[in-house]
Amino acid sequence: MTRGVLVTGLLGASLALGILTAIVQSHNRGEGARLDALREDCLLLEAVHGAQRATILEADHGPLPRVDLEADAKKAGQRARGAQ
């Protein structure tokens, strides 16, 4: 009798946990899709604002010089090696 009650209780708890997990997963999937769409919108806005910012800076100050980050990194590495 006691074993049957315990098994039935465990079965019910397992079933409830499975149903609750399915509900939470479907909610998370919807939230993930919403957040992904929001991220895409933000990336598009950043790209537009970056282009507008470059245009405004060029209009105010003329064409901006191109910065070569790789050359700067090599120079910094050579200076660091020379200081040792």
N, C-alpha and C. Protein backbone atom coordinates (compact mmCIF):
# COMPACT_ATOMS: atom_id res chain seq x y z
N MET A 1 0.82 -1.19 0.00
CA MET A 1 0.00 0.00 0.00
C MET A 1 0.87 1.26 0.00
N THR A 2 1.82 1.33 0.93
CA THR A 2 2.68 2.50 1.03
C THR A 2 3.54 2.64 -0.22
N ARG A 3 4.03 1.52 -0.72
CA ARG A 3 4.85 1.55 -1.92
C ARG A 3 4.03 2.08 -3.10
N GLY A 4 2.81 1.66 -3.22
CA GLY A 4 1.94 2.12 -4.30
C GLY A 4 1.69 3.62 -4.23
N VAL A 5 1.48 4.15 -3.04
CA VAL A 5 1.24 5.58 -2.85
C VAL A 5 2.51 6.36 -3.22
N LEU A 6 3.67 5.88 -2.78
CA LEU A 6 4.93 6.55 -3.10
C LEU A 6 5.22 6.54 -4.60
N VAL A 7 4.97 5.40 -5.25
CA VAL A 7 5.21 5.30 -6.69
C VAL A 7 4.25 6.22 -7.44
N THR A 8 2.99 6.24 -7.02
CA THR A 8 2.01 7.12 -7.65
C THR A 8 2.38 8.59 -7.46
N GLY A 9 2.84 8.94 -6.27
CA GLY A 9 3.27 10.32 -6.00
C GLY A 9 4.47 10.70 -6.85
N LEU A 10 5.44 9.79 -6.95
CA LEU A 10 6.62 10.05 -7.77
C LEU A 10 6.25 10.16 -9.24
N LEU A 11 5.33 9.32 -9.70
CA LEU A 11 4.86 9.39 -11.08
C LEU A 11 4.17 10.72 -11.35
N GLY A 12 3.34 11.16 -10.44
CA GLY A 12 2.65 12.44 -10.60
C GLY A 12 3.62 13.62 -10.59
N ALA A 13 4.61 13.56 -9.70
CA ALA A 13 5.60 14.64 -9.63
C ALA A 13 6.43 14.68 -10.92
N SER A 14 6.80 13.51 -11.44
CA SER A 14 7.58 13.46 -12.69
C SER A 14 6.77 14.01 -13.86
N LEU A 15 5.50 13.65 -13.91
CA LEU A 15 4.63 14.15 -14.97
C LEU A 15 4.46 15.67 -14.87
N ALA A 16 4.26 16.18 -13.67
CA ALA A 16 4.10 17.62 -13.46
C ALA A 16 5.39 18.35 -13.84
N LEU A 17 6.54 17.78 -13.49
CA LEU A 17 7.81 18.40 -13.83
C LEU A 17 8.01 18.43 -15.35
N GLY A 18 7.63 17.36 -16.04
CA GLY A 18 7.74 17.32 -17.50
C GLY A 18 6.85 18.35 -18.17
N ILE A 19 5.63 18.50 -17.69
CA ILE A 19 4.71 19.49 -18.26
C ILE A 19 5.21 20.91 -17.99
N LEU A 20 5.69 21.16 -16.77
CA LEU A 20 6.22 22.47 -16.43
C LEU A 20 7.44 22.81 -17.28
N THR A 21 8.30 21.83 -17.52
CA THR A 21 9.48 22.04 -18.36
C THR A 21 9.08 22.38 -19.78
N ALA A 22 8.09 21.70 -20.32
CA ALA A 22 7.62 21.99 -21.68
C ALA A 22 7.06 23.40 -21.78
N ILE A 23 6.34 23.85 -20.77
CA ILE A 23 5.78 25.20 -20.77
C ILE A 23 6.89 26.24 -20.74
N VAL A 24 7.88 26.02 -19.87
CA VAL A 24 8.99 26.97 -19.75
C VAL A 24 9.81 27.01 -21.03
N GLN A 25 10.05 25.86 -21.65
CA GLN A 25 10.82 25.82 -22.89
C GLN A 25 10.12 26.56 -24.02
N SER A 26 8.81 26.41 -24.13
CA SER A 26 8.10 27.12 -25.19
C SER A 26 8.15 28.63 -24.96
N HIS A 27 8.07 29.04 -23.70
CA HIS A 27 8.18 30.47 -23.37
C HIS A 27 9.58 30.98 -23.71
N ASN A 28 10.60 30.20 -23.37
CA ASN A 28 11.99 30.61 -23.64
C ASN A 28 12.25 30.69 -25.14
N ARG A 29 11.64 29.80 -25.91
CA ARG A 29 11.83 29.83 -27.36
C ARG A 29 11.25 31.12 -27.95
N GLY A 30 10.07 31.50 -27.47
CA GLY A 30 9.46 32.75 -27.92
C GLY A 30 10.27 33.97 -27.52
N GLU A 31 10.79 33.98 -26.30
CA GLU A 31 11.63 35.08 -25.83
C GLU A 31 12.92 35.14 -26.63
N GLY A 32 13.49 33.99 -26.94
CA GLY A 32 14.72 33.96 -27.74
C GLY A 32 14.51 34.53 -29.12
N ALA A 33 13.40 34.20 -29.73
CA ALA A 33 13.09 34.74 -31.06
C ALA A 33 12.89 36.25 -31.00
N ARG A 34 12.21 36.71 -29.96
CA ARG A 34 11.99 38.15 -29.79
C ARG A 34 13.31 38.88 -29.57
N LEU A 35 14.18 38.33 -28.73
CA LEU A 35 15.46 38.96 -28.46
C LEU A 35 16.37 38.94 -29.68
N ASP A 36 16.30 37.88 -30.49
CA ASP A 36 17.10 37.81 -31.71
C ASP A 36 16.66 38.89 -32.69
N ALA A 37 15.36 39.09 -32.81
CA ALA A 37 14.86 40.15 -33.69
C ALA A 37 15.29 41.53 -33.18
N LEU A 38 15.27 41.72 -31.87
CA LEU A 38 15.71 42.98 -31.28
C LEU A 38 17.20 43.21 -31.53
N ARG A 39 18.00 42.15 -31.43
CA ARG A 39 19.44 42.25 -31.68
C ARG A 39 19.71 42.64 -33.13
N GLU A 40 18.97 42.03 -34.05
CA GLU A 40 19.12 42.37 -35.46
C GLU A 40 18.77 43.84 -35.71
N ASP A 41 17.70 44.32 -35.08
CA ASP A 41 17.33 45.73 -35.21
C ASP A 41 18.43 46.63 -34.68
N CYS A 42 19.02 46.26 -33.55
CA CYS A 42 20.10 47.06 -32.96
C CYS A 42 21.32 47.08 -33.87
N LEU A 43 21.65 45.94 -34.46
CA LEU A 43 22.80 45.90 -35.37
C LEU A 43 22.57 46.79 -36.59
N LEU A 44 21.36 46.79 -37.12
CA LEU A 44 21.04 47.65 -38.25
C LEU A 44 21.13 49.13 -37.85
N LEU A 45 20.61 49.47 -36.68
CA LEU A 45 20.68 50.86 -36.22
C LEU A 45 22.12 51.29 -36.00
N GLU A 46 22.95 50.40 -35.44
CA GLU A 46 24.37 50.74 -35.24
C GLU A 46 25.06 50.98 -36.57
N ALA A 47 24.74 50.18 -37.57
CA ALA A 47 25.35 50.35 -38.88
C ALA A 47 24.93 51.69 -39.50
N VAL A 48 23.66 52.03 -39.37
CA VAL A 48 23.17 53.29 -39.93
C VAL A 48 23.80 54.46 -39.20
N HIS A 49 23.84 54.40 -37.88
CA HIS A 49 24.43 55.50 -37.12
C HIS A 49 25.91 55.63 -37.39
N GLY A 50 26.60 54.51 -37.58
CA GLY A 50 28.02 54.57 -37.91
C GLY A 50 28.26 55.25 -39.25
N ALA A 51 27.44 54.93 -40.23
CA ALA A 51 27.56 55.56 -41.54
C ALA A 51 27.25 57.05 -41.45
N GLN A 52 26.21 57.40 -40.69
CA GLN A 52 25.86 58.81 -40.54
C GLN A 52 26.96 59.57 -39.80
N ARG A 53 27.54 58.93 -38.78
CA ARG A 53 28.60 59.57 -38.02
C ARG A 53 29.81 59.84 -38.91
N ALA A 54 30.18 58.86 -39.74
CA ALA A 54 31.31 59.05 -40.65
C ALA A 54 31.03 60.17 -41.64
N THR A 55 29.82 60.24 -42.14
CA THR A 55 29.44 61.30 -43.08
C THR A 55 29.51 62.67 -42.42
N ILE A 56 29.02 62.77 -41.20
CA ILE A 56 29.04 64.05 -40.48
C ILE A 56 30.47 64.47 -40.19
N LEU A 57 31.30 63.54 -39.74
CA LEU A 57 32.69 63.87 -39.44
C LEU A 57 33.44 64.30 -40.70
N GLU A 58 33.19 63.61 -41.80
CA GLU A 58 33.84 64.00 -43.06
C GLU A 58 33.39 65.38 -43.51
N ALA A 59 32.13 65.70 -43.30
CA ALA A 59 31.63 67.03 -43.69
C ALA A 59 32.26 68.12 -42.82
N ASP A 60 32.45 67.81 -41.53
CA ASP A 60 33.02 68.81 -40.61
C ASP A 60 34.53 68.93 -40.74
N HIS A 61 35.23 67.80 -40.90
CA HIS A 61 36.70 67.80 -40.82
C HIS A 61 37.38 67.32 -42.09
N GLY A 62 36.65 67.04 -43.11
CA GLY A 62 37.26 66.50 -44.32
C GLY A 62 37.41 64.98 -44.18
N PRO A 63 37.97 64.34 -45.19
CA PRO A 63 38.12 62.89 -45.12
C PRO A 63 39.02 62.48 -43.96
N LEU A 64 38.62 61.46 -43.26
CA LEU A 64 39.40 60.99 -42.11
C LEU A 64 40.53 60.08 -42.58
N PRO A 65 41.69 60.18 -41.95
CA PRO A 65 42.79 59.28 -42.34
C PRO A 65 42.47 57.85 -41.94
N ARG A 66 42.90 56.93 -42.75
CA ARG A 66 42.65 55.51 -42.47
C ARG A 66 43.70 55.03 -41.48
N VAL A 67 43.27 54.36 -40.44
CA VAL A 67 44.17 53.87 -39.40
C VAL A 67 44.45 52.40 -39.66
N ASP A 68 45.72 52.06 -39.75
CA ASP A 68 46.12 50.67 -39.95
C ASP A 68 46.44 50.07 -38.59
N LEU A 69 45.51 49.31 -38.05
CA LEU A 69 45.66 48.75 -36.71
C LEU A 69 46.76 47.70 -36.65
N GLU A 70 46.94 46.96 -37.73
CA GLU A 70 47.97 45.92 -37.73
C GLU A 70 49.35 46.54 -37.65
N ALA A 71 49.58 47.62 -38.38
CA ALA A 71 50.88 48.29 -38.33
C ALA A 71 51.13 48.86 -36.94
N ASP A 72 50.09 49.43 -36.32
CA ASP A 72 50.24 49.96 -34.96
C ASP A 72 50.58 48.85 -33.98
N ALA A 73 49.97 47.69 -34.13
CA ALA A 73 50.24 46.57 -33.24
C ALA A 73 51.68 46.07 -33.43
N LYS A 74 52.15 46.02 -34.68
CA LYS A 74 53.53 45.59 -34.94
C LYS A 74 54.53 46.56 -34.32
N LYS A 75 54.27 47.87 -34.45
CA LYS A 75 55.16 48.87 -33.88
C LYS A 75 55.20 48.75 -32.37
N ALA A 76 54.04 48.53 -31.75
CA ALA A 76 53.98 48.40 -30.30
C ALA A 76 54.75 47.14 -29.86
N GLY A 77 54.64 46.07 -30.62
CA GLY A 77 55.37 44.85 -30.29
C GLY A 77 56.87 45.03 -30.42
N GLN A 78 57.30 45.77 -31.43
CA GLN A 78 58.73 46.03 -31.62
C GLN A 78 59.27 46.92 -30.49
N ARG A 79 58.47 47.90 -30.09
CA ARG A 79 58.90 48.76 -28.97
C ARG A 79 59.00 47.96 -27.69
N ALA A 80 58.05 47.05 -27.47
CA ALA A 80 58.07 46.24 -26.26
C ALA A 80 59.30 45.33 -26.24
N ARG A 81 59.64 44.75 -27.39
CA ARG A 81 60.81 43.90 -27.46
C ARG A 81 62.10 44.71 -27.29
N GLY A 82 62.10 45.93 -27.82
CA GLY A 82 63.27 46.79 -27.70
C GLY A 82 63.50 47.27 -26.28
N ALA A 83 62.42 47.43 -25.51
CA ALA A 83 62.54 47.87 -24.12
C ALA A 83 63.07 46.77 -23.20
N GLN A 84 62.94 45.53 -23.64
CA GLN A 84 63.40 44.42 -22.80
C GLN A 84 64.86 44.30 -22.97
